[in-house]
Amino acid sequence: MAILEILTYPDDQLRALCEPVTDFDNPEFQQFIDDLLETMHDAPGCVGIAAPQVGRPIQVVAIDCSLARHPPEGHHGLMLACNPEILSWSGMEVGREGCLSLPDYTGNVVRAVEAQLQFQDRTGQTQSHMLTGFEARVAQHEVDHLEGRMFIDRVVSRRADMFPRKQYQSRRSKKSSN
């Protein structure tokens, strides 16, 4: 497995519309998924990543709220979602978001409190989960990446709702320094 380079704003590749995944049996695709997961697990503070963030314009996201500093109860653990679609949502809530592709800032973003996410797993099998709270927020954030959107597109005011972010050390660096 390999740690992939994470693209940062304003790289144009982050604004591309992503193509659906159709060939789940392709060994190169399966290797890419392994590399994407390895990249997510290595990145500091990361609970989600989307393929376009590493330069692949395909509809793949990984979400793992168990990696959060304070994991929410009732999360679904690691979800590798190909061709994800939010079928329904309810409630609205402001919350702080960050992004690997915009590492120096966080921002206040309004998102749905609940979201029904349908997707295909890495083998092409269809799954559907009702997500709530933080997990629903992460899924909406990652699905936005597949449509060329970033959280900064959803803040009401860049002046009032954007904040400098503290710097994180990668998980791999933390392990080697202990």
C-alpha atoms as a PDB file:
ATOM      1  CA  MET A   1       0.000   0.000   0.000  1.00  0.00           C
ATOM      2  CA  ALA A   2       1.045   3.596  -0.518  1.00  0.00           C
ATOM      3  CA  ILE A   3       0.323   6.981   0.997  1.00  0.00           C
ATOM      4  CA  LEU A   4      -1.088   9.132  -1.800  1.00  0.00           C
ATOM      5  CA  GLU A   5      -0.403  12.853  -2.247  1.00  0.00           C
ATOM      6  CA  ILE A   6      -3.324  14.956  -1.045  1.00  0.00           C
ATOM      7  CA  LEU A   7      -4.192  17.833  -3.364  1.00  0.00           C
ATOM      8  CA  THR A   8      -4.772  21.216  -1.774  1.00  0.00           C
ATOM      9  CA  TYR A   9      -6.955  24.166  -2.694  1.00  0.00           C
ATOM     10  CA  PRO A  10      -6.904  25.827  -5.225  1.00  0.00           C
ATOM     11  CA  ASP A  11      -5.868  22.783  -7.328  1.00  0.00           C
ATOM     12  CA  ASP A  12      -8.338  22.567 -10.253  1.00  0.00           C
ATOM     13  CA  GLN A  13      -8.656  18.778  -9.875  1.00  0.00           C
ATOM     14  CA  LEU A  14     -10.628  19.388  -6.665  1.00  0.00           C
ATOM     15  CA  ARG A  15     -13.362  21.053  -8.742  1.00  0.00           C
ATOM     16  CA  ALA A  16     -13.839  18.216 -11.234  1.00  0.00           C
ATOM     17  CA  LEU A  17     -17.075  16.244 -11.474  1.00  0.00           C
ATOM     18  CA  CYS A  18     -16.300  12.604 -10.767  1.00  0.00           C
ATOM     19  CA  GLU A  19     -17.175   9.609 -12.926  1.00  0.00           C
ATOM     20  CA  PRO A  20     -19.085   6.616 -11.528  1.00  0.00           C
ATOM     21  CA  VAL A  21     -17.216   3.425 -10.719  1.00  0.00           C
ATOM     22  CA  THR A  22     -18.209   0.602 -13.082  1.00  0.00           C
ATOM     23  CA  ASP A  23     -15.350  -1.939 -12.958  1.00  0.00           C
ATOM     24  CA  PHE A  24     -15.171  -3.239  -9.399  1.00  0.00           C
ATOM     25  CA  ASP A  25     -13.108  -6.317 -10.356  1.00  0.00           C
ATOM     26  CA  ASN A  26     -10.171  -4.299 -11.704  1.00  0.00           C
ATOM     27  CA  PRO A  27      -7.060  -5.040  -9.583  1.00  0.00           C
ATOM     28  CA  GLU A  28      -5.816  -1.468 -10.133  1.00  0.00           C
ATOM     29  CA  PHE A  29      -9.080  -0.127  -8.693  1.00  0.00           C
ATOM     30  CA  GLN A  30      -8.817  -2.431  -5.667  1.00  0.00           C
ATOM     31  CA  GLN A  31      -5.205  -1.301  -5.102  1.00  0.00           C
ATOM     32  CA  PHE A  32      -6.328   2.325  -5.330  1.00  0.00           C
ATOM     33  CA  ILE A  33      -8.927   1.683  -2.602  1.00  0.00           C
ATOM     34  CA  ASP A  34      -6.249   0.161  -0.350  1.00  0.00           C
ATOM     35  CA  ASP A  35      -4.003   3.181  -0.980  1.00  0.00           C
ATOM     36  CA  LEU A  36      -6.867   5.619  -0.335  1.00  0.00           C
ATOM     37  CA  LEU A  37      -7.645   3.929   2.987  1.00  0.00           C
ATOM     38  CA  GLU A  38      -3.968   3.940   3.953  1.00  0.00           C
ATOM     39  CA  THR A  39      -3.815   7.663   3.118  1.00  0.00           C
ATOM     40  CA  MET A  40      -6.897   8.376   5.251  1.00  0.00           C
ATOM     41  CA  HIS A  41      -5.505   6.420   8.192  1.00  0.00           C
ATOM     42  CA  ASP A  42      -2.190   8.263   7.970  1.00  0.00           C
ATOM     43  CA  ALA A  43      -3.641  11.772   7.707  1.00  0.00           C
ATOM     44  CA  PRO A  44      -3.898  13.779  10.921  1.00  0.00           C
ATOM     45  CA  GLY A  45      -7.408  14.128  12.331  1.00  0.00           C
ATOM     46  CA  CYS A  46      -8.923  12.496   9.245  1.00  0.00           C
ATOM     47  CA  VAL A  47     -12.340  10.792   9.357  1.00  0.00           C
ATOM     48  CA  GLY A  48     -13.076  10.919   5.625  1.00  0.00           C
ATOM     49  CA  ILE A  49     -11.428  11.241   2.245  1.00  0.00           C
ATOM     50  CA  ALA A  50     -12.652  11.383  -1.351  1.00  0.00           C
ATOM     51  CA  ALA A  51     -10.884  10.116  -4.470  1.00  0.00           C
ATOM     52  CA  PRO A  52     -10.595  13.569  -6.111  1.00  0.00           C
ATOM     53  CA  GLN A  53      -8.545  14.725  -3.116  1.00  0.00           C
ATOM     54  CA  VAL A  54      -5.784  12.415  -4.330  1.00  0.00           C
ATOM     55  CA  GLY A  55      -6.221  13.244  -8.015  1.00  0.00           C
ATOM     56  CA  ARG A  56      -8.642  10.478  -9.056  1.00  0.00           C
ATOM     57  CA  PRO A  57     -11.907  11.858 -10.503  1.00  0.00           C
ATOM     58  CA  ILE A  58     -14.006   8.807  -9.591  1.00  0.00           C
ATOM     59  CA  GLN A  59     -16.945   8.478  -7.211  1.00  0.00           C
ATOM     60  CA  VAL A  60     -15.263   6.899  -4.200  1.00  0.00           C
ATOM     61  CA  VAL A  61     -15.219   8.112  -0.605  1.00  0.00           C
ATOM     62  CA  ALA A  62     -14.047   6.576   2.639  1.00  0.00           C
ATOM     63  CA  ILE A  63     -15.613   7.492   5.984  1.00  0.00           C
ATOM     64  CA  ASP A  64     -14.558   6.228   9.406  1.00  0.00           C
ATOM     65  CA  CYS A  65     -15.913   8.127  12.388  1.00  0.00           C
ATOM     66  CA  SER A  66     -14.184   5.682  14.758  1.00  0.00           C
ATOM     67  CA  LEU A  67     -11.024   7.686  13.963  1.00  0.00           C
ATOM     68  CA  ALA A  68     -12.491  10.852  15.517  1.00  0.00           C
ATOM     69  CA  ARG A  69     -10.953  12.156  18.717  1.00  0.00           C
ATOM     70  CA  HIS A  70     -14.329  11.538  20.386  1.00  0.00           C
ATOM     71  CA  PRO A  71     -16.099   8.939  18.196  1.00  0.00           C
ATOM     72  CA  PRO A  72     -19.879   9.335  18.138  1.00  0.00           C
ATOM     73  CA  GLU A  73     -22.044   6.506  19.414  1.00  0.00           C
ATOM     74  CA  GLY A  74     -23.840   4.447  16.800  1.00  0.00           C
ATOM     75  CA  HIS A  75     -21.470   5.162  13.907  1.00  0.00           C
ATOM     76  CA  HIS A  76     -21.056   2.537  11.178  1.00  0.00           C
ATOM     77  CA  GLY A  77     -17.262   2.230  11.388  1.00  0.00           C
ATOM     78  CA  LEU A  78     -15.345   2.169   8.137  1.00  0.00           C
ATOM     79  CA  MET A  79     -17.531   2.761   5.089  1.00  0.00           C
ATOM     80  CA  LEU A  80     -15.937   2.598   1.662  1.00  0.00           C
ATOM     81  CA  ALA A  81     -18.614   4.090  -0.582  1.00  0.00           C
ATOM     82  CA  CYS A  82     -18.546   3.918  -4.370  1.00  0.00           C
ATOM     83  CA  ASN A  83     -21.119   5.932  -6.312  1.00  0.00           C
ATOM     84  CA  PRO A  84     -22.622   7.332  -3.086  1.00  0.00           C
ATOM     85  CA  GLU A  85     -25.932   9.128  -3.188  1.00  0.00           C
ATOM     86  CA  ILE A  86     -27.788  10.953  -0.449  1.00  0.00           C
ATOM     87  CA  LEU A  87     -31.356   9.759  -0.944  1.00  0.00           C
ATOM     88  CA  SER A  88     -32.986  11.840   1.776  1.00  0.00           C
ATOM     89  CA  TRP A  89     -32.074  14.141   4.614  1.00  0.00           C
ATOM     90  CA  SER A  90     -33.700  15.946   7.524  1.00  0.00           C
ATOM     91  CA  GLY A  91     -32.914  18.651  10.051  1.00  0.00           C
ATOM     92  CA  MET A  92     -30.285  21.348   9.714  1.00  0.00           C
ATOM     93  CA  GLU A  93     -27.406  22.212  12.001  1.00  0.00           C
ATOM     94  CA  VAL A  94     -24.325  24.434  11.915  1.00  0.00           C
ATOM     95  CA  GLY A  95     -21.069  22.641  12.651  1.00  0.00           C
ATOM     96  CA  ARG A  96     -17.336  23.190  12.282  1.00  0.00           C
ATOM     97  CA  GLU A  97     -15.634  21.362   9.408  1.00  0.00           C
ATOM     98  CA  GLY A  98     -12.090  20.944   8.232  1.00  0.00           C
ATOM     99  CA  CYS A  99     -10.610  19.343   5.148  1.00  0.00           C
ATOM    100  CA  LEU A 100      -7.330  17.702   4.179  1.00  0.00           C
ATOM    101  CA  SER A 101      -7.409  19.745   0.980  1.00  0.00           C
ATOM    102  CA  LEU A 102      -7.713  23.027   2.885  1.00  0.00           C
ATOM    103  CA  PRO A 103      -5.417  22.228   5.820  1.00  0.00           C
ATOM    104  CA  ASP A 104      -4.995  25.719   7.268  1.00  0.00           C
ATOM    105  CA  TYR A 105      -8.673  26.517   7.943  1.00  0.00           C
ATOM    106  CA  THR A 106     -11.909  25.240   9.405  1.00  0.00           C
ATOM    107  CA  GLY A 107     -15.340  26.713   8.825  1.00  0.00           C
ATOM    108  CA  ASN A 108     -18.918  26.757  10.046  1.00  0.00           C
ATOM    109  CA  VAL A 109     -21.164  24.879   7.611  1.00  0.00           C
ATOM    110  CA  VAL A 110     -24.898  24.126   7.675  1.00  0.00           C
ATOM    111  CA  ARG A 111     -25.601  20.438   7.023  1.00  0.00           C
ATOM    112  CA  ALA A 112     -28.450  17.975   7.461  1.00  0.00           C
ATOM    113  CA  VAL A 113     -28.594  16.226  10.845  1.00  0.00           C
ATOM    114  CA  GLU A 114     -29.741  12.940   9.293  1.00  0.00           C
ATOM    115  CA  ALA A 115     -28.973  11.552   5.854  1.00  0.00           C
ATOM    116  CA  GLN A 116     -29.858   8.321   4.085  1.00  0.00           C
ATOM    117  CA  LEU A 117     -26.735   7.252   2.182  1.00  0.00           C
ATOM    118  CA  GLN A 118     -26.911   4.631  -0.552  1.00  0.00           C
ATOM    119  CA  PHE A 119     -23.708   3.352  -2.146  1.00  0.00           C
ATOM    120  CA  GLN A 120     -21.877   0.358  -3.545  1.00  0.00           C
ATOM    121  CA  ASP A 121     -19.107  -1.242  -1.533  1.00  0.00           C
ATOM    122  CA  ARG A 122     -15.734  -2.127  -3.037  1.00  0.00           C
ATOM    123  CA  THR A 123     -17.216  -5.283  -4.611  1.00  0.00           C
ATOM    124  CA  GLY A 124     -20.185  -3.464  -6.169  1.00  0.00           C
ATOM    125  CA  GLN A 125     -22.803  -4.614  -3.651  1.00  0.00           C
ATOM    126  CA  THR A 126     -25.441  -1.960  -2.871  1.00  0.00           C
ATOM    127  CA  GLN A 127     -25.754  -0.800   0.716  1.00  0.00           C
ATOM    128  CA  SER A 128     -27.820   1.836   2.455  1.00  0.00           C
ATOM    129  CA  HIS A 129     -27.313   3.417   5.884  1.00  0.00           C
ATOM    130  CA  MET A 130     -29.176   6.058   7.844  1.00  0.00           C
ATOM    131  CA  LEU A 131     -26.491   8.366   9.194  1.00  0.00           C
ATOM    132  CA  THR A 132     -26.949  10.846  12.002  1.00  0.00           C
ATOM    133  CA  GLY A 133     -25.036  13.726  13.545  1.00  0.00           C
ATOM    134  CA  PHE A 134     -21.306  13.832  12.908  1.00  0.00           C
ATOM    135  CA  GLU A 135     -21.351  10.789  10.612  1.00  0.00           C
ATOM    136  CA  ALA A 136     -24.049  12.398   8.449  1.00  0.00           C
ATOM    137  CA  ARG A 137     -21.959  15.592   8.282  1.00  0.00           C
ATOM    138  CA  VAL A 138     -18.852  13.688   7.194  1.00  0.00           C
ATOM    139  CA  ALA A 139     -20.775  11.841   4.469  1.00  0.00           C
ATOM    140  CA  GLN A 140     -22.243  15.086   3.093  1.00  0.00           C
ATOM    141  CA  HIS A 141     -18.790  16.697   3.121  1.00  0.00           C
ATOM    142  CA  GLU A 142     -17.231  13.791   1.208  1.00  0.00           C
ATOM    143  CA  VAL A 143     -20.081  13.503  -1.331  1.00  0.00           C
ATOM    144  CA  ASP A 144     -19.630  17.224  -2.016  1.00  0.00           C
ATOM    145  CA  HIS A 145     -16.053  16.489  -3.143  1.00  0.00           C
ATOM    146  CA  LEU A 146     -17.413  14.173  -5.852  1.00  0.00           C
ATOM    147  CA  GLU A 147     -19.396  17.099  -7.239  1.00  0.00           C
ATOM    148  CA  GLY A 148     -16.434  19.495  -7.230  1.00  0.00           C
ATOM    149  CA  ARG A 149     -17.512  21.298  -4.038  1.00  0.00           C
ATOM    150  CA  MET A 150     -15.532  22.095  -0.915  1.00  0.00           C
ATOM    151  CA  PHE A 151     -16.768  23.202   2.492  1.00  0.00           C
ATOM    152  CA  ILE A 152     -15.663  26.765   1.755  1.00  0.00           C
ATOM    153  CA  ASP A 153     -18.397  26.852  -0.902  1.00  0.00           C
ATOM    154  CA  ARG A 154     -20.970  26.300   1.840  1.00  0.00           C
ATOM    155  CA  VAL A 155     -19.882  28.817   4.497  1.00  0.00           C
ATOM    156  CA  VAL A 156     -22.151  31.847   4.688  1.00  0.00           C
ATOM    157  CA  SER A 157     -19.310  34.334   5.166  1.00  0.00           C
ATOM    158  CA  ARG A 158     -15.629  33.600   4.660  1.00  0.00           C
ATOM    159  CA  ARG A 159     -14.874  36.529   6.947  1.00  0.00           C
ATOM    160  CA  ALA A 160     -17.130  35.439   9.844  1.00  0.00           C
ATOM    161  CA  ASP A 161     -17.241  31.642   9.402  1.00  0.00           C
ATOM    162  CA  MET A 162     -13.634  30.685   8.523  1.00  0.00           C
ATOM    163  CA  PHE A 163     -11.001  30.106  11.201  1.00  0.00           C
ATOM    164  CA  PRO A 164      -7.256  29.369  11.225  1.00  0.00           C
ATOM    165  CA  ARG A 165      -6.619  25.728  12.096  1.00  0.00           C
ATOM    166  CA  LYS A 166      -4.084  24.369  14.534  1.00  0.00           C
ATOM    167  CA  GLN A 167      -1.450  22.149  12.952  1.00  0.00           C
ATOM    168  CA  TYR A 168      -1.670  18.396  13.323  1.00  0.00           C
ATOM    169  CA  GLN A 169       1.023  15.764  13.190  1.00  0.00           C
ATOM    170  CA  SER A 170       0.389  12.669  11.067  1.00  0.00           C
ATOM    171  CA  ARG A 171      -0.558   9.483  12.892  1.00  0.00           C
ATOM    172  CA  ARG A 172       2.528   7.763  11.497  1.00  0.00           C
ATOM    173  CA  SER A 173       4.798  10.557  12.857  1.00  0.00           C
ATOM    174  CA  LYS A 174       3.182  10.300  16.287  1.00  0.00           C
ATOM    175  CA  LYS A 175       3.812   6.540  16.434  1.00  0.00           C
ATOM    176  CA  SER A 176       7.470   6.904  15.473  1.00  0.00           C
ATOM    177  CA  SER A 177       8.125   9.694  18.012  1.00  0.00           C
ATOM    178  CA  ASN A 178       6.729   7.679  20.956  1.00  0.00           C
END
